[in-house]
Amino acid sequence: MTIGDWLDARTPVPPELLAARVREVLGPSLQRRSEEALGACLDAVDMLLLSLRDDPEAGRERALDLLAADALVTYAFEAAAEHPLELAEVAAVAMRRVGNVAAGLEP
């Protein structure tokens, strides 16, 4: 099963524009194995947040990117939930990565 297949199996189904943006951001990662969904989603969140942070003109027109980042974090935790013993570690890593972007550091 690919990450794309895994996303197709998620419920509830997101709004069409949001689903399309998530897939666009994941790009070639959609063809990777579903076991790699956690990392692919977090990498995509980093990319989106960095692009938003570094865009001095970012405004309401980038709202879909914020929603996509939120959806990707949710998907990352859904993937992590498949391995509950690792969930606390995943949460710490995700928080550190997002915090690093906000602080102007590399994720």
PDB file of N, CA and C in Angstrom:
ATOM      1  N   MET A   1       0.849  -1.173   0.000  1.00  0.00           N
ATOM      2  CA  MET A   1       0.000   0.000   0.000  1.00  0.00           C
ATOM      3  C   MET A   1       0.898   1.240   0.000  1.00  0.00           C
ATOM      4  N   THR A   2       0.542   2.227  -0.827  1.00  0.00           N
ATOM      5  CA  THR A   2       1.301   3.474  -0.895  1.00  0.00           C
ATOM      6  C   THR A   2       0.708   4.503   0.066  1.00  0.00           C
ATOM      7  N   ILE A   3       1.431   5.595   0.250  1.00  0.00           N
ATOM      8  CA  ILE A   3       0.905   6.685   1.068  1.00  0.00           C
ATOM      9  C   ILE A   3      -0.370   7.225   0.427  1.00  0.00           C
ATOM     10  N   GLY A   4      -0.397   7.296  -0.894  1.00  0.00           N
ATOM     11  CA  GLY A   4      -1.614   7.740  -1.584  1.00  0.00           C
ATOM     12  C   GLY A   4      -2.802   6.846  -1.286  1.00  0.00           C
ATOM     13  N   ASP A   5      -2.581   5.532  -1.297  1.00  0.00           N
ATOM     14  CA  ASP A   5      -3.648   4.585  -0.956  1.00  0.00           C
ATOM     15  C   ASP A   5      -4.083   4.768   0.489  1.00  0.00           C
ATOM     16  N   TRP A   6      -3.093   4.953   1.366  1.00  0.00           N
ATOM     17  CA  TRP A   6      -3.367   5.136   2.796  1.00  0.00           C
ATOM     18  C   TRP A   6      -4.222   6.376   3.005  1.00  0.00           C
ATOM     19  N   LEU A   7      -3.894   7.470   2.307  1.00  0.00           N
ATOM     20  CA  LEU A   7      -4.700   8.692   2.416  1.00  0.00           C
ATOM     21  C   LEU A   7      -6.127   8.459   1.939  1.00  0.00           C
ATOM     22  N   ASP A   8      -6.264   7.703   0.863  1.00  0.00           N
ATOM     23  CA  ASP A   8      -7.601   7.412   0.329  1.00  0.00           C
ATOM     24  C   ASP A   8      -8.472   6.669   1.344  1.00  0.00           C
ATOM     25  N   ALA A   9      -7.848   5.929   2.241  1.00  0.00           N
ATOM     26  CA  ALA A   9      -8.586   5.138   3.228  1.00  0.00           C
ATOM     27  C   ALA A   9      -8.948   5.937   4.480  1.00  0.00           C
ATOM     28  N   ARG A  10      -8.465   7.170   4.607  1.00  0.00           N
ATOM     29  CA  ARG A  10      -8.745   7.977   5.803  1.00  0.00           C
ATOM     30  C   ARG A  10     -10.187   8.453   5.796  1.00  0.00           C
ATOM     31  N   THR A  11     -10.782   8.455   6.965  1.00  0.00           N
ATOM     32  CA  THR A  11     -12.129   8.997   7.143  1.00  0.00           C
ATOM     33  C   THR A  11     -12.124   9.916   8.348  1.00  0.00           C
ATOM     34  N   PRO A  12     -12.908  10.955   8.315  1.00  0.00           N
ATOM     35  CA  PRO A  12     -13.771  11.370   7.221  1.00  0.00           C
ATOM     36  C   PRO A  12     -12.943  11.928   6.062  1.00  0.00           C
ATOM     37  N   VAL A  13     -13.546  11.928   4.910  1.00  0.00           N
ATOM     38  CA  VAL A  13     -12.905  12.448   3.713  1.00  0.00           C
ATOM     39  C   VAL A  13     -12.823  13.974   3.836  1.00  0.00           C
ATOM     40  N   PRO A  14     -11.647  14.558   3.606  1.00  0.00           N
ATOM     41  CA  PRO A  14     -11.532  16.018   3.715  1.00  0.00           C
ATOM     42  C   PRO A  14     -12.195  16.711   2.530  1.00  0.00           C
ATOM     43  N   PRO A  15     -12.444  18.020   2.666  1.00  0.00           N
ATOM     44  CA  PRO A  15     -12.964  18.768   1.520  1.00  0.00           C
ATOM     45  C   PRO A  15     -12.019  18.631   0.321  1.00  0.00           C
ATOM     46  N   GLU A  16     -12.596  18.681  -0.867  1.00  0.00           N
ATOM     47  CA  GLU A  16     -11.841  18.410  -2.090  1.00  0.00           C
ATOM     48  C   GLU A  16     -10.608  19.303  -2.253  1.00  0.00           C
ATOM     49  N   LEU A  17     -10.750  20.607  -2.018  1.00  0.00           N
ATOM     50  CA  LEU A  17      -9.602  21.519  -2.174  1.00  0.00           C
ATOM     51  C   LEU A  17      -8.486  21.196  -1.189  1.00  0.00           C
ATOM     52  N   LEU A  18      -8.854  20.863   0.040  1.00  0.00           N
ATOM     53  CA  LEU A  18      -7.856  20.523   1.043  1.00  0.00           C
ATOM     54  C   LEU A  18      -7.146  19.226   0.676  1.00  0.00           C
ATOM     55  N   ALA A  19      -7.906  18.229   0.263  1.00  0.00           N
ATOM     56  CA  ALA A  19      -7.309  16.948  -0.134  1.00  0.00           C
ATOM     57  C   ALA A  19      -6.351  17.136  -1.305  1.00  0.00           C
ATOM     58  N   ALA A  20      -6.738  17.981  -2.252  1.00  0.00           N
ATOM     59  CA  ALA A  20      -5.875  18.226  -3.412  1.00  0.00           C
ATOM     60  C   ALA A  20      -4.582  18.925  -2.994  1.00  0.00           C
ATOM     61  N   ARG A  21      -4.678  19.875  -2.070  1.00  0.00           N
ATOM     62  CA  ARG A  21      -3.469  20.590  -1.628  1.00  0.00           C
ATOM     63  C   ARG A  21      -2.544  19.654  -0.854  1.00  0.00           C
ATOM     64  N   VAL A  22      -3.104  18.811  -0.008  1.00  0.00           N
ATOM     65  CA  VAL A  22      -2.298  17.840   0.741  1.00  0.00           C
ATOM     66  C   VAL A  22      -1.553  16.942  -0.235  1.00  0.00           C
ATOM     67  N   ARG A  23      -2.235  16.453  -1.233  1.00  0.00           N
ATOM     68  CA  ARG A  23      -1.599  15.574  -2.223  1.00  0.00           C
ATOM     69  C   ARG A  23      -0.532  16.324  -3.021  1.00  0.00           C
ATOM     70  N   GLU A  24      -0.808  17.574  -3.346  1.00  0.00           N
ATOM     71  CA  GLU A  24       0.166  18.378  -4.080  1.00  0.00           C
ATOM     72  C   GLU A  24       1.441  18.557  -3.264  1.00  0.00           C
ATOM     73  N   VAL A  25       1.279  18.845  -1.995  1.00  0.00           N
ATOM     74  CA  VAL A  25       2.441  19.063  -1.128  1.00  0.00           C
ATOM     75  C   VAL A  25       3.222  17.767  -0.927  1.00  0.00           C
ATOM     76  N   LEU A  26       2.524  16.657  -0.790  1.00  0.00           N
ATOM     77  CA  LEU A  26       3.211  15.373  -0.627  1.00  0.00           C
ATOM     78  C   LEU A  26       3.918  14.944  -1.909  1.00  0.00           C
ATOM     79  N   GLY A  27       3.367  15.333  -3.047  1.00  0.00           N
ATOM     80  CA  GLY A  27       4.005  15.076  -4.340  1.00  0.00           C
ATOM     81  C   GLY A  27       4.444  13.634  -4.521  1.00  0.00           C
ATOM     82  N   PRO A  28       5.707  13.429  -4.908  1.00  0.00           N
ATOM     83  CA  PRO A  28       6.216  12.078  -5.179  1.00  0.00           C
ATOM     84  C   PRO A  28       6.154  11.142  -3.957  1.00  0.00           C
ATOM     85  N   SER A  29       6.073  11.704  -2.764  1.00  0.00           N
ATOM     86  CA  SER A  29       5.979  10.863  -1.561  1.00  0.00           C
ATOM     87  C   SER A  29       4.728   9.999  -1.563  1.00  0.00           C
ATOM     88  N   LEU A  30       3.721  10.396  -2.334  1.00  0.00           N
ATOM     89  CA  LEU A  30       2.489   9.606  -2.403  1.00  0.00           C
ATOM     90  C   LEU A  30       2.750   8.184  -2.883  1.00  0.00           C
ATOM     91  N   GLN A  31       3.835   7.976  -3.610  1.00  0.00           N
ATOM     92  CA  GLN A  31       4.160   6.654  -4.141  1.00  0.00           C
ATOM     93  C   GLN A  31       4.994   5.811  -3.181  1.00  0.00           C
ATOM     94  N   ARG A  32       5.434   6.424  -2.070  1.00  0.00           N
ATOM     95  CA  ARG A  32       6.212   5.670  -1.090  1.00  0.00           C
ATOM     96  C   ARG A  32       5.305   4.716  -0.319  1.00  0.00           C
ATOM     97  N   ARG A  33       5.927   3.785   0.381  1.00  0.00           N
ATOM     98  CA  ARG A  33       5.168   2.810   1.172  1.00  0.00           C
ATOM     99  C   ARG A  33       4.431   3.519   2.310  1.00  0.00           C
ATOM    100  N   SER A  34       3.249   3.033   2.639  1.00  0.00           N
ATOM    101  CA  SER A  34       2.429   3.663   3.675  1.00  0.00           C
ATOM    102  C   SER A  34       3.117   3.701   5.031  1.00  0.00           C
ATOM    103  N   GLU A  35       4.051   2.786   5.257  1.00  0.00           N
ATOM    104  CA  GLU A  35       4.794   2.781   6.515  1.00  0.00           C
ATOM    105  C   GLU A  35       5.655   4.042   6.667  1.00  0.00           C
ATOM    106  N   GLU A  36       5.835   4.761   5.572  1.00  0.00           N
ATOM    107  CA  GLU A  36       6.634   5.984   5.584  1.00  0.00           C
ATOM    108  C   GLU A  36       5.761   7.240   5.689  1.00  0.00           C
ATOM    109  N   ALA A  37       4.468   7.074   5.934  1.00  0.00           N
ATOM    110  CA  ALA A  37       3.531   8.207   5.973  1.00  0.00           C
ATOM    111  C   ALA A  37       3.901   9.216   7.055  1.00  0.00           C
ATOM    112  N   LEU A  38       4.298   8.750   8.208  1.00  0.00           N
ATOM    113  CA  LEU A  38       4.631   9.665   9.302  1.00  0.00           C
ATOM    114  C   LEU A  38       5.716  10.644   8.874  1.00  0.00           C
ATOM    115  N   GLY A  39       6.829  10.136   8.409  1.00  0.00           N
ATOM    116  CA  GLY A  39       7.934  10.999   8.004  1.00  0.00           C
ATOM    117  C   GLY A  39       7.585  11.888   6.827  1.00  0.00           C
ATOM    118  N   ALA A  40       6.869  11.330   5.848  1.00  0.00           N
ATOM    119  CA  ALA A  40       6.490  12.114   4.675  1.00  0.00           C
ATOM    120  C   ALA A  40       5.579  13.272   5.057  1.00  0.00           C
ATOM    121  N   CYS A  41       4.647  13.002   5.954  1.00  0.00           N
ATOM    122  CA  CYS A  41       3.727  14.058   6.386  1.00  0.00           C
ATOM    123  C   CYS A  41       4.469  15.148   7.154  1.00  0.00           C
ATOM    124  N   LEU A  42       5.352  14.764   8.065  1.00  0.00           N
ATOM    125  CA  LEU A  42       6.106  15.765   8.820  1.00  0.00           C
ATOM    126  C   LEU A  42       7.039  16.557   7.919  1.00  0.00           C
ATOM    127  N   ASP A  43       7.639  15.908   6.927  1.00  0.00           N
ATOM    128  CA  ASP A  43       8.492  16.632   5.976  1.00  0.00           C
ATOM    129  C   ASP A  43       7.667  17.659   5.200  1.00  0.00           C
ATOM    130  N   ALA A  44       6.464  17.282   4.804  1.00  0.00           N
ATOM    131  CA  ALA A  44       5.591  18.193   4.066  1.00  0.00           C
ATOM    132  C   ALA A  44       5.163  19.369   4.944  1.00  0.00           C
ATOM    133  N   VAL A  45       4.900  19.107   6.230  1.00  0.00           N
ATOM    134  CA  VAL A  45       4.561  20.191   7.161  1.00  0.00           C
ATOM    135  C   VAL A  45       5.722  21.168   7.247  1.00  0.00           C
ATOM    136  N   ASP A  46       6.934  20.650   7.397  1.00  0.00           N
ATOM    137  CA  ASP A  46       8.115  21.517   7.460  1.00  0.00           C
ATOM    138  C   ASP A  46       8.182  22.413   6.221  1.00  0.00           C
ATOM    139  N   MET A  47       8.007  21.818   5.052  1.00  0.00           N
ATOM    140  CA  MET A  47       8.095  22.565   3.803  1.00  0.00           C
ATOM    141  C   MET A  47       7.049  23.672   3.753  1.00  0.00           C
ATOM    142  N   LEU A  48       5.820  23.335   4.118  1.00  0.00           N
ATOM    143  CA  LEU A  48       4.756  24.337   4.100  1.00  0.00           C
ATOM    144  C   LEU A  48       5.025  25.462   5.092  1.00  0.00           C
ATOM    145  N   LEU A  49       5.386  25.109   6.305  1.00  0.00           N
ATOM    146  CA  LEU A  49       5.618  26.134   7.322  1.00  0.00           C
ATOM    147  C   LEU A  49       6.803  27.021   6.969  1.00  0.00           C
ATOM    148  N   LEU A  50       7.858  26.432   6.418  1.00  0.00           N
ATOM    149  CA  LEU A  50       9.004  27.237   5.990  1.00  0.00           C
ATOM    150  C   LEU A  50       8.609  28.205   4.881  1.00  0.00           C
ATOM    151  N   SER A  51       7.802  27.730   3.934  1.00  0.00           N
ATOM    152  CA  SER A  51       7.400  28.612   2.838  1.00  0.00           C
ATOM    153  C   SER A  51       6.513  29.748   3.345  1.00  0.00           C
ATOM    154  N   LEU A  52       5.679  29.470   4.322  1.00  0.00           N
ATOM    155  CA  LEU A  52       4.840  30.511   4.911  1.00  0.00           C
ATOM    156  C   LEU A  52       5.677  31.499   5.721  1.00  0.00           C
ATOM    157  N   ARG A  53       6.582  30.968   6.513  1.00  0.00           N
ATOM    158  CA  ARG A  53       7.435  31.822   7.345  1.00  0.00           C
ATOM    159  C   ARG A  53       8.294  32.751   6.497  1.00  0.00           C
ATOM    160  N   ASP A  54       8.780  32.247   5.376  1.00  0.00           N
ATOM    161  CA  ASP A  54       9.714  33.004   4.550  1.00  0.00           C
ATOM    162  C   ASP A  54       9.034  33.858   3.478  1.00  0.00           C
ATOM    163  N   ASP A  55       7.723  33.898   3.477  1.00  0.00           N
ATOM    164  CA  ASP A  55       6.969  34.688   2.498  1.00  0.00           C
ATOM    165  C   ASP A  55       6.448  35.953   3.171  1.00  0.00           C
ATOM    166  N   PRO A  56       7.155  37.082   2.967  1.00  0.00           N
ATOM    167  CA  PRO A  56       6.737  38.315   3.640  1.00  0.00           C
ATOM    168  C   PRO A  56       5.376  38.823   3.174  1.00  0.00           C
ATOM    169  N   GLU A  57       4.921  38.344   2.040  1.00  0.00           N
ATOM    170  CA  GLU A  57       3.627  38.770   1.499  1.00  0.00           C
ATOM    171  C   GLU A  57       2.494  37.812   1.874  1.00  0.00           C
ATOM    172  N   ALA A  58       2.808  36.780   2.655  1.00  0.00           N
ATOM    173  CA  ALA A  58       1.785  35.775   2.990  1.00  0.00           C
ATOM    174  C   ALA A  58       0.611  36.442   3.703  1.00  0.00           C
ATOM    175  N   GLY A  59      -0.555  36.100   3.242  1.00  0.00           N
ATOM    176  CA  GLY A  59      -1.780  36.633   3.826  1.00  0.00           C
ATOM    177  C   GLY A  59      -2.882  35.600   3.720  1.00  0.00           C
ATOM    178  N   ARG A  60      -4.091  36.075   3.649  1.00  0.00           N
ATOM    179  CA  ARG A  60      -5.253  35.184   3.606  1.00  0.00           C
ATOM    180  C   ARG A  60      -5.214  34.188   2.456  1.00  0.00           C
ATOM    181  N   GLU A  61      -4.553  34.576   1.376  1.00  0.00           N
ATOM    182  CA  GLU A  61      -4.494  33.681   0.212  1.00  0.00           C
ATOM    183  C   GLU A  61      -3.721  32.408   0.514  1.00  0.00           C
ATOM    184  N   ARG A  62      -2.987  32.375   1.624  1.00  0.00           N
ATOM    185  CA  ARG A  62      -2.219  31.188   2.004  1.00  0.00           C
ATOM    186  C   ARG A  62      -2.943  30.364   3.078  1.00  0.00           C
ATOM    187  N   ALA A  63      -4.187  30.690   3.354  1.00  0.00           N
ATOM    188  CA  ALA A  63      -4.944  29.972   4.389  1.00  0.00           C
ATOM    189  C   ALA A  63      -5.032  28.479   4.089  1.00  0.00           C
ATOM    190  N   LEU A  64      -5.160  28.127   2.829  1.00  0.00           N
ATOM    191  CA  LEU A  64      -5.240  26.706   2.471  1.00  0.00           C
ATOM    192  C   LEU A  64      -3.959  25.977   2.869  1.00  0.00           C
ATOM    193  N   ASP A  65      -2.817  26.660   2.776  1.00  0.00           N
ATOM    194  CA  ASP A  65      -1.563  26.038   3.195  1.00  0.00           C
ATOM    195  C   ASP A  65      -1.553  25.761   4.697  1.00  0.00           C
ATOM    196  N   LEU A  66      -2.104  26.678   5.488  1.00  0.00           N
ATOM    197  CA  LEU A  66      -2.198  26.436   6.938  1.00  0.00           C
ATOM    198  C   LEU A  66      -3.113  25.252   7.233  1.00  0.00           C
ATOM    199  N   LEU A  67      -4.220  25.182   6.525  1.00  0.00           N
ATOM    200  CA  LEU A  67      -5.130  24.051   6.710  1.00  0.00           C
ATOM    201  C   LEU A  67      -4.473  22.743   6.285  1.00  0.00           C
ATOM    202  N   ALA A  68      -3.709  22.783   5.195  1.00  0.00           N
ATOM    203  CA  ALA A  68      -3.012  21.580   4.732  1.00  0.00           C
ATOM    204  C   ALA A  68      -1.963  21.149   5.752  1.00  0.00           C
ATOM    205  N   ALA A  69      -1.240  22.103   6.331  1.00  0.00           N
ATOM    206  CA  ALA A  69      -0.248  21.768   7.365  1.00  0.00           C
ATOM    207  C   ALA A  69      -0.934  21.107   8.553  1.00  0.00           C
ATOM    208  N   ASP A  70      -2.072  21.655   8.953  1.00  0.00           N
ATOM    209  CA  ASP A  70      -2.829  21.068  10.065  1.00  0.00           C
ATOM    210  C   ASP A  70      -3.278  19.648   9.720  1.00  0.00           C
ATOM    211  N   ALA A  71      -3.786  19.456   8.505  1.00  0.00           N
ATOM    212  CA  ALA A  71      -4.227  18.121   8.085  1.00  0.00           C
ATOM    213  C   ALA A  71      -3.050  17.148   8.062  1.00  0.00           C
ATOM    214  N   LEU A  72      -1.900  17.600   7.592  1.00  0.00           N
ATOM    215  CA  LEU A  72      -0.731  16.726   7.525  1.00  0.00           C
ATOM    216  C   LEU A  72      -0.229  16.335   8.906  1.00  0.00           C
ATOM    217  N   VAL A  73      -0.305  17.247   9.863  1.00  0.00           N
ATOM    218  CA  VAL A  73       0.053  16.888  11.246  1.00  0.00           C
ATOM    219  C   VAL A  73      -0.927  15.839  11.765  1.00  0.00           C
ATOM    220  N   THR A  74      -2.197  16.029  11.475  1.00  0.00           N
ATOM    221  CA  THR A  74      -3.206  15.047  11.892  1.00  0.00           C
ATOM    222  C   THR A  74      -2.914  13.690  11.276  1.00  0.00           C
ATOM    223  N   TYR A  75      -2.602  13.665   9.980  1.00  0.00           N
ATOM    224  CA  TYR A  75      -2.271  12.400   9.318  1.00  0.00           C
ATOM    225  C   TYR A  75      -1.008  11.781   9.908  1.00  0.00           C
ATOM    226  N   ALA A  76      -0.037  12.613  10.250  1.00  0.00           N
ATOM    227  CA  ALA A  76       1.188  12.090  10.870  1.00  0.00           C
ATOM    228  C   ALA A  76       0.858  11.375  12.173  1.00  0.00           C
ATOM    229  N   PHE A  77      -0.020  11.958  12.969  1.00  0.00           N
ATOM    230  CA  PHE A  77      -0.384  11.324  14.232  1.00  0.00           C
ATOM    231  C   PHE A  77      -1.267  10.099  14.016  1.00  0.00           C
ATOM    232  N   GLU A  78      -2.078  10.098  12.973  1.00  0.00           N
ATOM    233  CA  GLU A  78      -2.827   8.887  12.650  1.00  0.00           C
ATOM    234  C   GLU A  78      -1.871   7.758  12.295  1.00  0.00           C
ATOM    235  N   ALA A  79      -0.832   8.086  11.531  1.00  0.00           N
ATOM    236  CA  ALA A  79       0.168   7.071  11.183  1.00  0.00           C
ATOM    237  C   ALA A  79       0.904   6.608  12.432  1.00  0.00           C
ATOM    238  N   ALA A  80       1.245   7.540  13.308  1.00  0.00           N
ATOM    239  CA  ALA A  80       1.951   7.186  14.537  1.00  0.00           C
ATOM    240  C   ALA A  80       1.088   6.339  15.458  1.00  0.00           C
ATOM    241  N   ALA A  81      -0.207   6.563  15.429  1.00  0.00           N
ATOM    242  CA  ALA A  81      -1.113   5.812  16.298  1.00  0.00           C
ATOM    243  C   ALA A  81      -1.128   4.325  15.961  1.00  0.00           C
ATOM    244  N   GLU A  82      -0.638   3.988  14.773  1.00  0.00           N
ATOM    245  CA  GLU A  82      -0.552   2.578  14.413  1.00  0.00           C
ATOM    246  C   GLU A  82       0.553   1.874  15.201  1.00  0.00           C
ATOM    247  N   HIS A  83       1.375   2.671  15.889  1.00  0.00           N
ATOM    248  CA  HIS A  83       2.455   2.154  16.749  1.00  0.00           C
ATOM    249  C   HIS A  83       2.397   2.924  18.066  1.00  0.00           C
ATOM    250  N   PRO A  84       1.398   2.647  18.910  1.00  0.00           N
ATOM    251  CA  PRO A  84       1.134   3.464  20.096  1.00  0.00           C
ATOM    252  C   PRO A  84       2.309   3.586  21.071  1.00  0.00           C
ATOM    253  N   LEU A  85       3.193   2.614  21.124  1.00  0.00           N
ATOM    254  CA  LEU A  85       4.317   2.700  22.052  1.00  0.00           C
ATOM    255  C   LEU A  85       5.302   3.792  21.650  1.00  0.00           C
ATOM    256  N   GLU A  86       5.258   4.220  20.402  1.00  0.00           N
ATOM    257  CA  GLU A  86       6.162   5.253  19.909  1.00  0.00           C
ATOM    258  C   GLU A  86       5.505   6.634  19.872  1.00  0.00           C
ATOM    259  N   LEU A  87       4.247   6.734  20.271  1.00  0.00           N
ATOM    260  CA  LEU A  87       3.486   7.962  20.104  1.00  0.00           C
ATOM    261  C   LEU A  87       4.081   9.144  20.868  1.00  0.00           C
ATOM    262  N   ALA A  88       4.526   8.942  22.087  1.00  0.00           N
ATOM    263  CA  ALA A  88       5.101  10.040  22.867  1.00  0.00           C
ATOM    264  C   ALA A  88       6.368  10.574  22.202  1.00  0.00           C
ATOM    265  N   GLU A  89       7.183   9.682  21.679  1.00  0.00           N
ATOM    266  CA  GLU A  89       8.406  10.109  20.992  1.00  0.00           C
ATOM    267  C   GLU A  89       8.070  10.880  19.721  1.00  0.00           C
ATOM    268  N   VAL A  90       7.081  10.409  18.984  1.00  0.00           N
ATOM    269  CA  VAL A  90       6.653  11.087  17.760  1.00  0.00           C
ATOM    270  C   VAL A  90       6.140  12.485  18.089  1.00  0.00           C
ATOM    271  N   ALA A  91       5.362  12.604  19.149  1.00  0.00           N
ATOM    272  CA  ALA A  91       4.837  13.909  19.544  1.00  0.00           C
ATOM    273  C   ALA A  91       5.971  14.874  19.875  1.00  0.00           C
ATOM    274  N   ALA A  92       6.967  14.403  20.585  1.00  0.00           N
ATOM    275  CA  ALA A  92       8.111  15.256  20.936  1.00  0.00           C
ATOM    276  C   ALA A  92       8.867  15.703  19.692  1.00  0.00           C
ATOM    277  N   VAL A  93       9.098  14.804  18.772  1.00  0.00           N
ATOM    278  CA  VAL A  93       9.806  15.138  17.532  1.00  0.00           C
ATOM    279  C   VAL A  93       8.999  16.145  16.719  1.00  0.00           C
ATOM    280  N   ALA A  94       7.703  15.914  16.581  1.00  0.00           N
ATOM    281  CA  ALA A  94       6.848  16.813  15.804  1.00  0.00           C
ATOM    282  C   ALA A  94       6.824  18.209  16.418  1.00  0.00           C
ATOM    283  N   MET A  95       6.703  18.286  17.721  1.00  0.00           N
ATOM    284  CA  MET A  95       6.692  19.591  18.389  1.00  0.00           C
ATOM    285  C   MET A  95       8.019  20.314  18.207  1.00  0.00           C
ATOM    286  N   ARG A  96       9.114  19.586  18.288  1.00  0.00           N
ATOM    287  CA  ARG A  96      10.431  20.190  18.114  1.00  0.00           C
ATOM    288  C   ARG A  96      10.586  20.717  16.683  1.00  0.00           C
ATOM    289  N   ARG A  97      10.153  19.931  15.711  1.00  0.00           N
ATOM    290  CA  ARG A  97      10.279  20.356  14.317  1.00  0.00           C
ATOM    291  C   ARG A  97       9.469  21.614  14.039  1.00  0.00           C
ATOM    292  N   VAL A  98       8.225  21.646  14.475  1.00  0.00           N
ATOM    293  CA  VAL A  98       7.381  22.820  14.253  1.00  0.00           C
ATOM    294  C   VAL A  98       7.952  24.013  15.017  1.00  0.00           C
ATOM    295  N   GLY A  99       8.409  23.782  16.241  1.00  0.00           N
ATOM    296  CA  GLY A  99       9.014  24.861  17.038  1.00  0.00           C
ATOM    297  C   GLY A  99      10.255  25.426  16.392  1.00  0.00           C
ATOM    298  N   ASN A 100      11.061  24.563  15.790  1.00  0.00           N
ATOM    299  CA  ASN A 100      12.276  25.028  15.113  1.00  0.00           C
ATOM    300  C   ASN A 100      11.936  25.932  13.927  1.00  0.00           C
ATOM    301  N   VAL A 101      10.906  25.576  13.179  1.00  0.00           N
ATOM    302  CA  VAL A 101      10.497  26.416  12.063  1.00  0.00           C
ATOM    303  C   VAL A 101      10.049  27.774  12.588  1.00  0.00           C
ATOM    304  N   ALA A 102       9.253  27.772  13.632  1.00  0.00           N
ATOM    305  CA  ALA A 102       8.758  29.034  14.204  1.00  0.00           C
ATOM    306  C   ALA A 102       9.907  29.884  14.738  1.00  0.00           C
ATOM    307  N   ALA A 103      10.949  29.253  15.257  1.00  0.00           N
ATOM    308  CA  ALA A 103      12.079  29.981  15.839  1.00  0.00           C
ATOM    309  C   ALA A 103      13.105  30.399  14.780  1.00  0.00           C
ATOM    310  N   GLY A 104      12.845  30.049  13.520  1.00  0.00           N
ATOM    311  CA  GLY A 104      13.764  30.427  12.469  1.00  0.00           C
ATOM    312  C   GLY A 104      14.917  29.466  12.294  1.00  0.00           C
ATOM    313  N   LEU A 105      14.816  28.290  12.884  1.00  0.00           N
ATOM    314  CA  LEU A 105      15.843  27.275  12.766  1.00  0.00           C
ATOM    315  C   LEU A 105      15.429  26.274  11.702  1.00  0.00           C
ATOM    316  N   GLU A 106      16.343  25.447  11.307  1.00  0.00           N
ATOM    317  CA  GLU A 106      15.998  24.357  10.389  1.00  0.00           C
ATOM    318  C   GLU A 106      15.251  23.285  11.159  1.00  0.00           C
ATOM    319  N   PRO A 107      14.251  22.656  10.528  1.00  0.00           N
ATOM    320  CA  PRO A 107      13.458  21.626  11.211  1.00  0.00           C
ATOM    321  C   PRO A 107      14.237  20.455  11.639  1.00  0.00           C
TER     322      PRO A 107
END
